[in-house]
Amino acid sequence: MKKKTKAVLWTIVLVAVAGAVLVVYFRGRASKTPQLTYETATVQRNDISSSVTATGTIEPVTEVEVGTQVSGIIDKIYVDYNSVVKEGQIIAELDKVTLESDLASAQAAYDGSKAEYEYHSRNYERNKGLHEKSLISDTEYEQSLYNYQMAKSSFHSSEAELAKAKRNLSYATITSPIDGVVIDRAVEEGQTVAASFETPTLFTIAADLTQMQVVADVDEADIGGVKEGQRVSFTVDAYPDTFSGTVTQIRLGSSSESSSSSSSTSESVVTYEVVISAANPELKLKPRLTANISIYTIDRPDVLSVPAKALRFTPEKPIVGNDAVIVDCDSPAKVWTRSGNVFTAHAVETGISNGVTTEITGGIEEGTEVISGVEFNISSGSVKASSASGERSPFMPGPPGENKDDKKEK
C-alpha cells in the first residue's frame, strides 16, 4: 500500500511540473509577437561601378632589342645599364680587322671586273660597227658579244659584293635605333658573338619610361565586358600606391594554359591580352613588375540611384498585414513609398546596375525615401523577409496566426 501511495504522489508531482512548463512555454510564445520594421533607402547620387580583376606585367610602350648581323668580337662598349641614349648614338663596336680585309678584297675584285667590263664593252661596240659593214665574220662578232656579256655580269656581281662588304663593315658599329634608356646589356667587351643562324641580342632599349603599359591576362569569362577606353586601377607589390590607366587595346589572339588538379585531371584556361596605358611620371613603375588589375566595365560617377533590392520589393498582404492599403501601378520597374499603412508604387526608369545599386534616370525625385525591404523583429532576434515579389525566405516566420500545424495541413 505504501509503495502504491508513493507512486501516485510522484505521478501527481510530475504532472504538475509538466503543466507548469507548458504554461510558461505558451506564455513565452504568446509574448513573441512579430513586429514589422521597414528598411528604407534614400534616392540619392552615388558612384556606380563594377569591375573585373586580372594580373599583368608592366612593360615599356616601345622596347627595341638591338643586335648585330655580323659575327665578331665585341671591341668596345660605350653604354651600360640605365644609360640614356639618343637615336644614332654609337653604343658598341665590333673588331673590324676581318671586315676591313673583306672590304679590301671586294674592292680589288670590283676594280678588276670593272676594267674587264670596260675593255670588252669598247671591243664589242667596235666589232658591232664592223659587223654591220660586213668587215668581220659572224663568229668574231658573236665572240665579242659573249665576252662583253660575261664581263658585264662579272662586274655587276663584284659591285654587289663590294656593297655587301661595305654594309657588313658598317654593321660593326652598333648604334641606338631610338631615343631611350638601356634596360638590358647582354654582352661584355672581348665576347665573341655569332650571327650565323639568328641575330644575337646585345642591348634592350626602352623608348620612354615615363609612359608605360600593362599587358593583362583577362579570363575568357570576363573579356566580353572589357572595352577600349575603360578606366583601370592597379597596384604593384613594390608600392602601396594605386595607379590608374586606360584600356587601349584588346588583342584578338588568345593564350591557353593547362592546369592540373589534385585528381590528375587537366583543363585549359583561356585568357586574352588586354593592353593598358599608364602614365609613369615619377618612374615608380619598372619593367617586368607584376600588377594586380581592376578593369571597370561599369563606371558611372554621381548618378541618381537606389539599392537594387528596392526595385525587387513588393508589399504583400501576408507580409504587411491585411489592413494595409496598396496603391500599385502598371510598370516593369517601380519603387515603393510608405505613409502610415498606405504603400504607393512609383514607376521609374532605370539605367545601369552593378547588382547592388541601380541607376534611376527618371520617375522619382532625389531625396525620396523608398522601401528596400522588411524585417521581422521578434524578442529572440530578427528575421529579414525576402524583397522579391511572391517569394519568402525559408527561414522567415510565417504571418501572425500561422503555426506549424497550419503549414502541415496546407
Protein backbone atom coordinates (compact mmCIF):
# COMPACT_ATOMS: atom_id res chain seq x y z
CA MET A 1 0.00 0.00 0.00
CA LYS A 2 2.77 2.41 0.92
CA LYS A 3 4.51 1.75 -2.40
CA LYS A 4 1.31 2.47 -4.35
CA THR A 5 0.76 5.69 -2.41
CA LYS A 6 4.29 6.90 -3.19
CA ALA A 7 3.84 6.12 -6.90
CA VAL A 8 0.60 8.09 -7.02
CA LEU A 9 2.23 11.05 -5.29
CA TRP A 10 5.16 11.03 -7.75
CA THR A 11 2.77 10.90 -10.68
CA ILE A 12 0.84 13.91 -9.35
CA VAL A 13 4.10 15.87 -8.89
CA LEU A 14 5.33 15.11 -12.44
CA VAL A 15 2.01 16.11 -13.97
CA ALA A 16 2.04 19.39 -12.04
CA VAL A 17 5.60 20.17 -13.16
CA ALA A 18 4.80 19.38 -16.79
CA GLY A 19 1.73 21.60 -16.63
CA ALA A 20 3.77 24.47 -15.25
CA VAL A 21 6.35 24.09 -18.01
CA LEU A 22 3.67 24.13 -20.71
CA VAL A 23 2.08 27.25 -19.23
CA VAL A 24 5.43 29.07 -19.21
CA TYR A 25 6.17 27.90 -22.79
CA PHE A 26 2.86 29.06 -24.27
CA ARG A 27 3.01 32.36 -22.41
CA GLY A 28 6.52 32.88 -23.86
CA ARG A 29 5.25 32.13 -27.37
CA ALA A 30 2.35 34.49 -26.94
CA SER A 31 4.74 37.26 -25.94
CA LYS A 32 6.84 36.79 -29.12
CA THR A 33 4.51 38.61 -31.43
CA PRO A 34 6.37 39.58 -34.64
CA GLN A 35 6.67 43.29 -35.37
CA LEU A 36 7.47 44.66 -38.81
CA THR A 37 10.31 47.08 -39.43
CA TYR A 38 10.69 48.53 -42.91
CA GLU A 39 14.16 49.03 -44.33
CA THR A 40 14.32 52.29 -46.22
CA ALA A 41 16.78 53.96 -48.56
CA THR A 42 17.01 57.48 -49.90
CA VAL A 43 17.11 58.18 -53.62
CA GLN A 44 20.47 59.92 -53.87
CA ARG A 45 23.51 60.33 -56.04
CA ASN A 46 26.24 57.69 -55.91
CA ASP A 47 29.06 56.30 -57.97
CA ILE A 48 28.08 53.02 -59.64
CA SER A 49 30.90 50.76 -60.74
CA SER A 50 31.62 47.14 -61.47
CA SER A 51 34.99 45.65 -62.31
CA VAL A 52 36.78 42.51 -63.42
CA THR A 53 40.15 41.56 -61.99
CA ALA A 54 43.26 40.28 -63.70
CA THR A 55 47.02 40.14 -63.36
CA GLY A 56 49.55 41.52 -65.80
CA THR A 57 53.10 42.70 -66.38
CA ILE A 58 54.44 46.26 -66.58
CA GLU A 59 56.21 46.84 -69.89
CA PRO A 60 57.63 49.84 -71.78
CA VAL A 61 55.40 51.07 -74.59
CA THR A 62 58.29 50.82 -77.09
CA GLU A 63 61.05 48.32 -76.45
CA VAL A 64 63.75 47.52 -79.03
CA GLU A 65 66.25 44.66 -78.94
CA VAL A 66 69.49 45.78 -80.57
CA GLY A 67 71.57 43.07 -82.21
CA THR A 68 74.23 42.56 -84.88
CA GLN A 69 74.05 40.95 -88.30
CA VAL A 70 77.74 40.09 -88.47
CA SER A 71 79.87 37.83 -86.32
CA GLY A 72 82.92 39.05 -84.49
CA ILE A 73 84.46 40.10 -81.20
CA ILE A 74 82.99 42.95 -79.15
CA ASP A 75 85.78 45.54 -79.24
CA LYS A 76 84.22 48.49 -77.40
CA ILE A 77 81.06 49.07 -75.33
CA TYR A 78 80.10 52.70 -74.72
CA VAL A 79 76.91 52.32 -72.63
CA ASP A 80 75.77 50.44 -69.56
CA TYR A 81 72.54 49.66 -67.75
CA ASN A 82 70.27 52.72 -67.34
CA SER A 83 72.30 54.76 -69.84
CA VAL A 84 70.25 57.40 -71.65
CA VAL A 85 70.91 57.19 -75.39
CA LYS A 86 69.92 59.16 -78.48
CA GLU A 87 68.95 57.84 -81.89
CA GLY A 88 72.09 57.16 -83.96
CA GLN A 89 74.42 57.24 -80.95
CA ILE A 90 77.24 54.66 -81.08
CA ILE A 91 76.74 52.18 -78.24
CA ALA A 92 79.25 49.42 -79.21
CA GLU A 93 81.78 48.41 -81.84
CA LEU A 94 82.94 45.02 -83.12
CA ASP A 95 86.52 44.26 -84.13
CA LYS A 96 86.82 45.49 -87.74
CA VAL A 97 90.07 43.88 -88.92
CA THR A 98 88.43 40.94 -90.69
CA LEU A 99 85.62 43.05 -92.10
CA GLU A 100 88.05 45.65 -93.43
CA SER A 101 90.04 42.86 -95.12
CA ASP A 102 86.86 41.57 -96.73
CA LEU A 103 86.12 45.07 -97.95
CA ALA A 104 89.60 45.47 -99.44
CA SER A 105 89.27 42.13 -101.23
CA ALA A 106 85.86 43.06 -102.59
CA GLN A 107 87.20 46.43 -103.73
CA ALA A 108 90.06 44.78 -105.64
CA ALA A 109 87.71 42.32 -107.31
CA TYR A 110 85.43 45.17 -108.24
CA ASP A 111 88.23 47.23 -109.78
CA GLY A 112 89.40 44.25 -111.86
CA SER A 113 85.94 43.34 -113.11
CA LYS A 114 85.24 46.96 -113.90
CA ALA A 115 88.36 47.23 -116.09
CA GLU A 116 87.48 43.94 -117.80
CA TYR A 117 83.94 45.14 -118.41
CA GLU A 118 85.05 48.47 -119.87
CA TYR A 119 87.53 46.74 -122.21
CA HIS A 120 85.01 44.24 -123.57
CA SER A 121 82.38 46.95 -123.83
CA ARG A 122 84.60 49.05 -126.15
CA ASN A 123 85.63 45.96 -128.13
CA TYR A 124 82.01 44.93 -128.61
CA GLU A 125 80.96 48.38 -129.82
CA ARG A 126 83.83 48.42 -132.31
CA ASN A 127 83.10 44.91 -133.66
CA LYS A 128 79.42 45.72 -133.86
CA GLY A 129 80.13 48.55 -136.32
CA LEU A 130 82.49 46.39 -138.35
CA HIS A 131 79.98 43.57 -138.50
CA GLU A 132 77.26 45.90 -139.79
CA LYS A 133 79.64 46.76 -142.66
CA SER A 134 80.39 43.04 -143.18
CA LEU A 135 84.08 43.61 -142.43
CA ILE A 136 84.27 40.82 -139.82
CA SER A 137 82.71 37.41 -139.67
CA ASP A 138 79.70 36.46 -137.63
CA THR A 139 81.87 34.28 -135.40
CA GLU A 140 84.13 37.17 -134.44
CA TYR A 141 81.13 39.38 -133.69
CA GLU A 142 79.38 36.74 -131.57
CA GLN A 143 82.59 36.10 -129.62
CA SER A 144 82.93 39.80 -128.79
CA LEU A 145 79.26 39.92 -127.74
CA TYR A 146 79.74 36.90 -125.46
CA ASN A 147 82.87 38.38 -123.84
CA TYR A 148 81.04 41.65 -123.27
CA GLN A 149 78.04 39.99 -121.59
CA MET A 150 80.25 37.84 -119.35
CA ALA A 151 82.33 40.86 -118.32
CA LYS A 152 79.15 42.80 -117.59
CA SER A 153 77.79 40.02 -115.38
CA SER A 154 81.07 39.71 -113.50
CA PHE A 155 81.19 43.46 -112.99
CA HIS A 156 77.68 43.61 -111.50
CA SER A 157 78.47 40.66 -109.23
CA SER A 158 81.64 42.31 -107.91
CA GLU A 159 79.69 45.53 -107.46
CA ALA A 160 77.17 43.71 -105.25
CA GLU A 161 79.95 42.04 -103.26
CA LEU A 162 81.59 45.41 -102.65
CA ALA A 163 78.29 46.89 -101.41
CA LYS A 164 77.83 43.89 -99.12
CA ALA A 165 81.35 44.25 -97.69
CA LYS A 166 80.75 47.95 -97.04
CA ARG A 167 77.44 47.20 -95.32
CA ASN A 168 78.98 44.46 -93.17
CA LEU A 169 81.69 46.86 -92.09
CA SER A 170 79.02 49.40 -91.12
CA TYR A 171 77.27 46.71 -89.06
CA ALA A 172 80.38 46.53 -86.88
CA THR A 173 79.38 49.90 -85.48
CA ILE A 174 76.29 49.37 -83.27
CA THR A 175 74.07 52.45 -82.92
CA SER A 176 70.87 53.10 -81.00
CA PRO A 177 67.78 52.98 -83.25
CA ILE A 178 65.69 55.16 -80.90
CA ASP A 179 65.91 57.69 -78.09
CA GLY A 180 65.59 55.84 -74.82
CA VAL A 181 67.17 54.08 -71.86
CA VAL A 182 69.26 50.91 -71.86
CA ILE A 183 67.38 48.42 -69.66
CA ASP A 184 69.46 45.34 -70.52
CA ARG A 185 73.01 44.63 -71.70
CA ALA A 186 73.76 41.05 -72.75
CA VAL A 187 77.47 41.26 -73.79
CA GLU A 188 80.87 42.26 -72.46
CA GLU A 189 83.98 43.59 -74.18
CA GLY A 190 86.02 40.76 -75.70
CA GLN A 191 82.99 38.50 -76.06
CA THR A 192 82.52 36.77 -79.41
CA VAL A 193 79.07 36.96 -80.99
CA ALA A 194 77.98 34.66 -83.79
CA ALA A 195 75.25 35.73 -86.20
CA SER A 196 75.23 32.56 -88.31
CA PHE A 197 71.64 31.40 -87.66
CA GLU A 198 69.96 34.26 -85.78
CA THR A 199 70.75 37.79 -84.76
CA PRO A 200 72.16 37.86 -81.21
CA THR A 201 70.70 40.48 -78.88
CA LEU A 202 73.28 42.86 -77.46
CA PHE A 203 71.13 45.54 -75.78
CA THR A 204 67.49 46.19 -74.96
CA ILE A 205 66.42 49.83 -75.15
CA ALA A 206 63.12 51.23 -73.86
CA ALA A 207 61.89 54.37 -75.58
CA ASP A 208 60.25 56.34 -72.75
CA LEU A 209 59.84 55.04 -69.21
CA THR A 210 57.53 57.92 -68.26
CA GLN A 211 54.81 56.21 -70.28
CA MET A 212 54.34 52.51 -69.58
CA GLN A 213 51.82 49.85 -70.48
CA VAL A 214 50.39 46.89 -68.62
CA VAL A 215 49.73 43.69 -70.54
CA ALA A 216 46.97 41.93 -68.58
CA ASP A 217 45.69 38.38 -68.99
CA VAL A 218 41.88 38.59 -68.77
CA ASP A 219 39.86 35.41 -68.35
CA GLU A 220 37.57 34.40 -71.21
CA ALA A 221 34.54 34.69 -68.89
CA ASP A 222 35.29 38.40 -68.29
CA ILE A 223 36.58 39.54 -71.68
CA GLY A 224 33.07 40.25 -73.03
CA GLY A 225 32.66 43.26 -70.75
CA VAL A 226 36.06 44.80 -71.48
CA LYS A 227 36.11 47.68 -73.98
CA GLU A 228 38.72 50.18 -75.16
CA GLY A 229 38.71 53.41 -73.19
CA GLN A 230 37.59 51.87 -69.89
CA ARG A 231 39.15 53.09 -66.65
CA VAL A 232 41.64 50.83 -64.90
CA SER A 233 43.22 50.86 -61.46
CA PHE A 234 46.08 48.61 -60.45
CA THR A 235 48.64 48.02 -57.73
CA VAL A 236 52.13 46.55 -57.60
CA ASP A 237 53.75 44.84 -54.64
CA ALA A 238 56.61 47.37 -54.63
CA TYR A 239 54.43 50.33 -53.57
CA PRO A 240 51.26 50.91 -51.55
CA ASP A 241 50.03 53.37 -54.20
CA THR A 242 47.13 52.72 -56.52
CA PHE A 243 47.93 53.56 -60.14
CA SER A 244 45.44 54.39 -62.87
CA GLY A 245 45.33 53.64 -66.57
CA THR A 246 43.11 53.19 -69.62
CA VAL A 247 42.38 50.19 -71.81
CA THR A 248 43.96 50.91 -75.20
CA GLN A 249 43.90 47.54 -76.95
CA ILE A 250 42.21 44.14 -76.71
CA ARG A 251 44.27 41.59 -78.59
CA LEU A 252 42.22 39.04 -80.50
CA GLY A 253 44.72 36.23 -80.13
CA SER A 254 44.07 34.08 -77.07
CA SER A 255 46.52 32.08 -74.98
CA SER A 256 45.78 28.77 -73.34
CA GLU A 257 47.43 27.30 -70.26
CA SER A 258 46.86 23.82 -68.89
CA SER A 259 46.36 23.43 -65.16
CA SER A 260 46.24 20.12 -63.31
CA SER A 261 44.12 19.48 -60.25
CA SER A 262 44.81 17.09 -57.38
CA SER A 263 42.62 14.49 -59.06
CA SER A 264 45.05 14.32 -62.01
CA THR A 265 42.55 15.87 -64.44
CA SER A 266 43.69 18.77 -66.56
CA GLU A 267 41.72 21.66 -68.02
CA SER A 268 42.65 24.55 -70.29
CA VAL A 269 42.47 28.14 -69.04
CA VAL A 270 41.92 30.60 -71.90
CA THR A 271 42.92 34.24 -71.45
CA TYR A 272 43.11 37.30 -73.69
CA GLU A 273 45.76 40.01 -73.56
CA VAL A 274 44.48 43.48 -72.76
CA VAL A 275 46.90 46.41 -73.12
CA ILE A 276 46.51 49.23 -70.59
CA SER A 277 48.34 52.55 -70.90
CA ALA A 278 49.63 54.09 -67.67
CA ALA A 279 51.47 57.34 -67.00
CA ASN A 280 54.70 56.95 -65.02
CA PRO A 281 55.98 60.49 -64.34
CA GLU A 282 57.79 59.52 -61.13
CA LEU A 283 59.33 56.39 -62.72
CA LYS A 284 57.92 54.19 -59.95
CA LEU A 285 56.67 51.60 -62.43
CA LYS A 286 59.59 49.48 -63.54
CA PRO A 287 59.64 46.98 -66.39
CA ARG A 288 58.54 43.43 -65.53
CA LEU A 289 56.70 44.33 -62.30
CA THR A 290 53.57 42.26 -61.70
CA ALA A 291 50.35 44.28 -61.50
CA ASN A 292 47.04 43.39 -59.84
CA ILE A 293 44.43 45.00 -62.07
CA SER A 294 40.79 46.08 -61.80
CA ILE A 295 39.11 46.98 -65.11
CA TYR A 296 35.91 48.96 -64.57
CA THR A 297 33.37 47.55 -67.00
CA ILE A 298 30.69 49.77 -65.41
CA ASP A 299 31.79 53.21 -64.27
CA ARG A 300 29.24 55.97 -63.77
CA PRO A 301 30.07 58.66 -61.21
CA ASP A 302 27.50 60.82 -59.41
CA VAL A 303 24.26 59.32 -60.76
CA LEU A 304 20.85 59.15 -59.10
CA SER A 305 20.43 55.67 -57.69
CA VAL A 306 18.68 53.34 -55.24
CA PRO A 307 19.66 49.95 -53.82
CA ALA A 308 18.83 47.25 -56.37
CA LYS A 309 16.73 45.38 -53.80
CA ALA A 310 14.34 48.35 -53.59
CA LEU A 311 13.25 47.54 -57.15
CA ARG A 312 12.57 43.94 -56.14
CA PHE A 313 10.44 44.79 -53.10
CA THR A 314 6.66 44.34 -53.38
CA PRO A 315 4.28 44.81 -50.42
CA GLU A 316 2.10 41.73 -49.99
CA LYS A 317 -0.83 41.32 -47.62
CA PRO A 318 0.66 38.30 -45.80
CA ILE A 319 3.74 40.40 -45.00
CA VAL A 320 2.48 43.97 -44.48
CA GLY A 321 -0.88 42.96 -42.99
CA ASN A 322 -4.46 42.82 -44.21
CA ASP A 323 -5.20 46.40 -43.14
CA ALA A 324 -2.52 47.83 -45.47
CA VAL A 325 -3.64 49.93 -48.46
CA ILE A 326 -1.60 49.12 -51.57
CA VAL A 327 -1.64 51.63 -54.46
CA ASP A 328 0.06 49.82 -57.33
CA CYS A 329 0.98 50.91 -60.86
CA ASP A 330 1.49 49.08 -64.12
CA SER A 331 5.25 49.38 -64.66
CA PRO A 332 8.02 46.82 -65.00
CA ALA A 333 10.28 48.93 -62.79
CA LYS A 334 8.93 50.60 -59.66
CA VAL A 335 9.81 51.56 -56.12
CA TRP A 336 7.51 51.90 -53.13
CA THR A 337 6.98 54.62 -50.56
CA ARG A 338 5.00 54.31 -47.33
CA SER A 339 2.81 56.74 -45.44
CA GLY A 340 1.26 55.05 -42.41
CA ASN A 341 -0.37 51.89 -43.73
CA VAL A 342 -0.57 53.22 -47.32
CA PHE A 343 2.01 51.81 -49.78
CA THR A 344 2.35 53.70 -53.05
CA ALA A 345 4.20 52.46 -56.13
CA HIS A 346 6.23 54.86 -58.28
CA ALA A 347 7.09 53.93 -61.86
CA VAL A 348 10.76 54.66 -62.55
CA GLU A 349 13.18 54.46 -65.45
CA THR A 350 16.39 52.60 -64.72
CA GLY A 351 19.87 52.75 -66.18
CA ILE A 352 22.94 50.70 -65.40
CA SER A 353 23.22 48.39 -62.40
CA ASN A 354 26.06 46.53 -60.73
CA GLY A 355 23.71 44.19 -58.87
CA VAL A 356 23.90 46.21 -55.64
CA THR A 357 22.99 49.71 -56.81
CA THR A 358 20.79 50.69 -59.76
CA GLU A 359 20.75 54.00 -61.61
CA ILE A 360 17.45 55.91 -61.72
CA THR A 361 17.06 58.04 -64.84
CA GLY A 362 13.52 59.27 -64.20
CA GLY A 363 10.26 58.82 -62.35
CA ILE A 364 11.18 59.87 -58.82
CA GLU A 365 12.86 62.86 -57.22
CA GLU A 366 16.15 62.93 -55.40
CA GLY A 367 15.78 62.66 -51.64
CA THR A 368 12.65 60.48 -51.71
CA GLU A 369 12.65 57.71 -49.12
CA VAL A 370 11.72 54.32 -50.58
CA ILE A 371 11.26 50.88 -49.04
CA SER A 372 14.06 48.41 -49.69
CA GLY A 373 12.96 45.51 -47.50
CA VAL A 374 11.07 44.23 -44.46
CA GLU A 375 12.46 42.91 -41.20
CA PHE A 376 10.51 40.91 -38.63
CA ASN A 377 11.53 41.85 -35.09
CA ILE A 378 10.98 39.07 -32.53
CA SER A 379 12.03 39.13 -28.88
CA SER A 380 14.60 36.44 -29.61
CA GLY A 381 16.04 38.17 -32.68
CA SER A 382 15.13 39.45 -36.14
CA VAL A 383 14.48 37.80 -39.48
CA LYS A 384 14.52 39.63 -42.81
CA ALA A 385 11.80 38.95 -45.33
CA SER A 386 12.55 38.46 -48.98
CA SER A 387 12.02 41.58 -51.01
CA ALA A 388 11.19 39.71 -54.21
CA SER A 389 7.57 39.55 -55.23
CA GLY A 390 5.92 36.21 -54.47
CA GLU A 391 9.00 34.91 -52.63
CA ARG A 392 9.66 34.32 -48.96
CA SER A 393 12.82 33.22 -47.20
CA PRO A 394 12.56 29.62 -45.87
CA PHE A 395 13.96 30.97 -42.59
CA MET A 396 11.32 33.73 -42.30
CA PRO A 397 8.49 33.03 -39.81
CA GLY A 398 5.00 32.88 -41.22
CA PRO A 399 2.47 35.68 -40.85
CA PRO A 400 0.93 36.22 -37.43
CA GLY A 401 -1.52 33.44 -36.55
CA GLU A 402 0.12 30.82 -38.79
CA ASN A 403 1.71 27.89 -36.97
CA LYS A 404 3.42 24.68 -37.92
CA ASP A 405 0.22 22.66 -37.77
CA ASP A 406 -1.41 25.03 -40.25
CA LYS A 407 1.55 24.59 -42.64
CA LYS A 408 1.26 20.85 -42.44
CA GLU A 409 -2.46 20.98 -43.26
CA LYS A 410 -1.65 23.14 -46.28
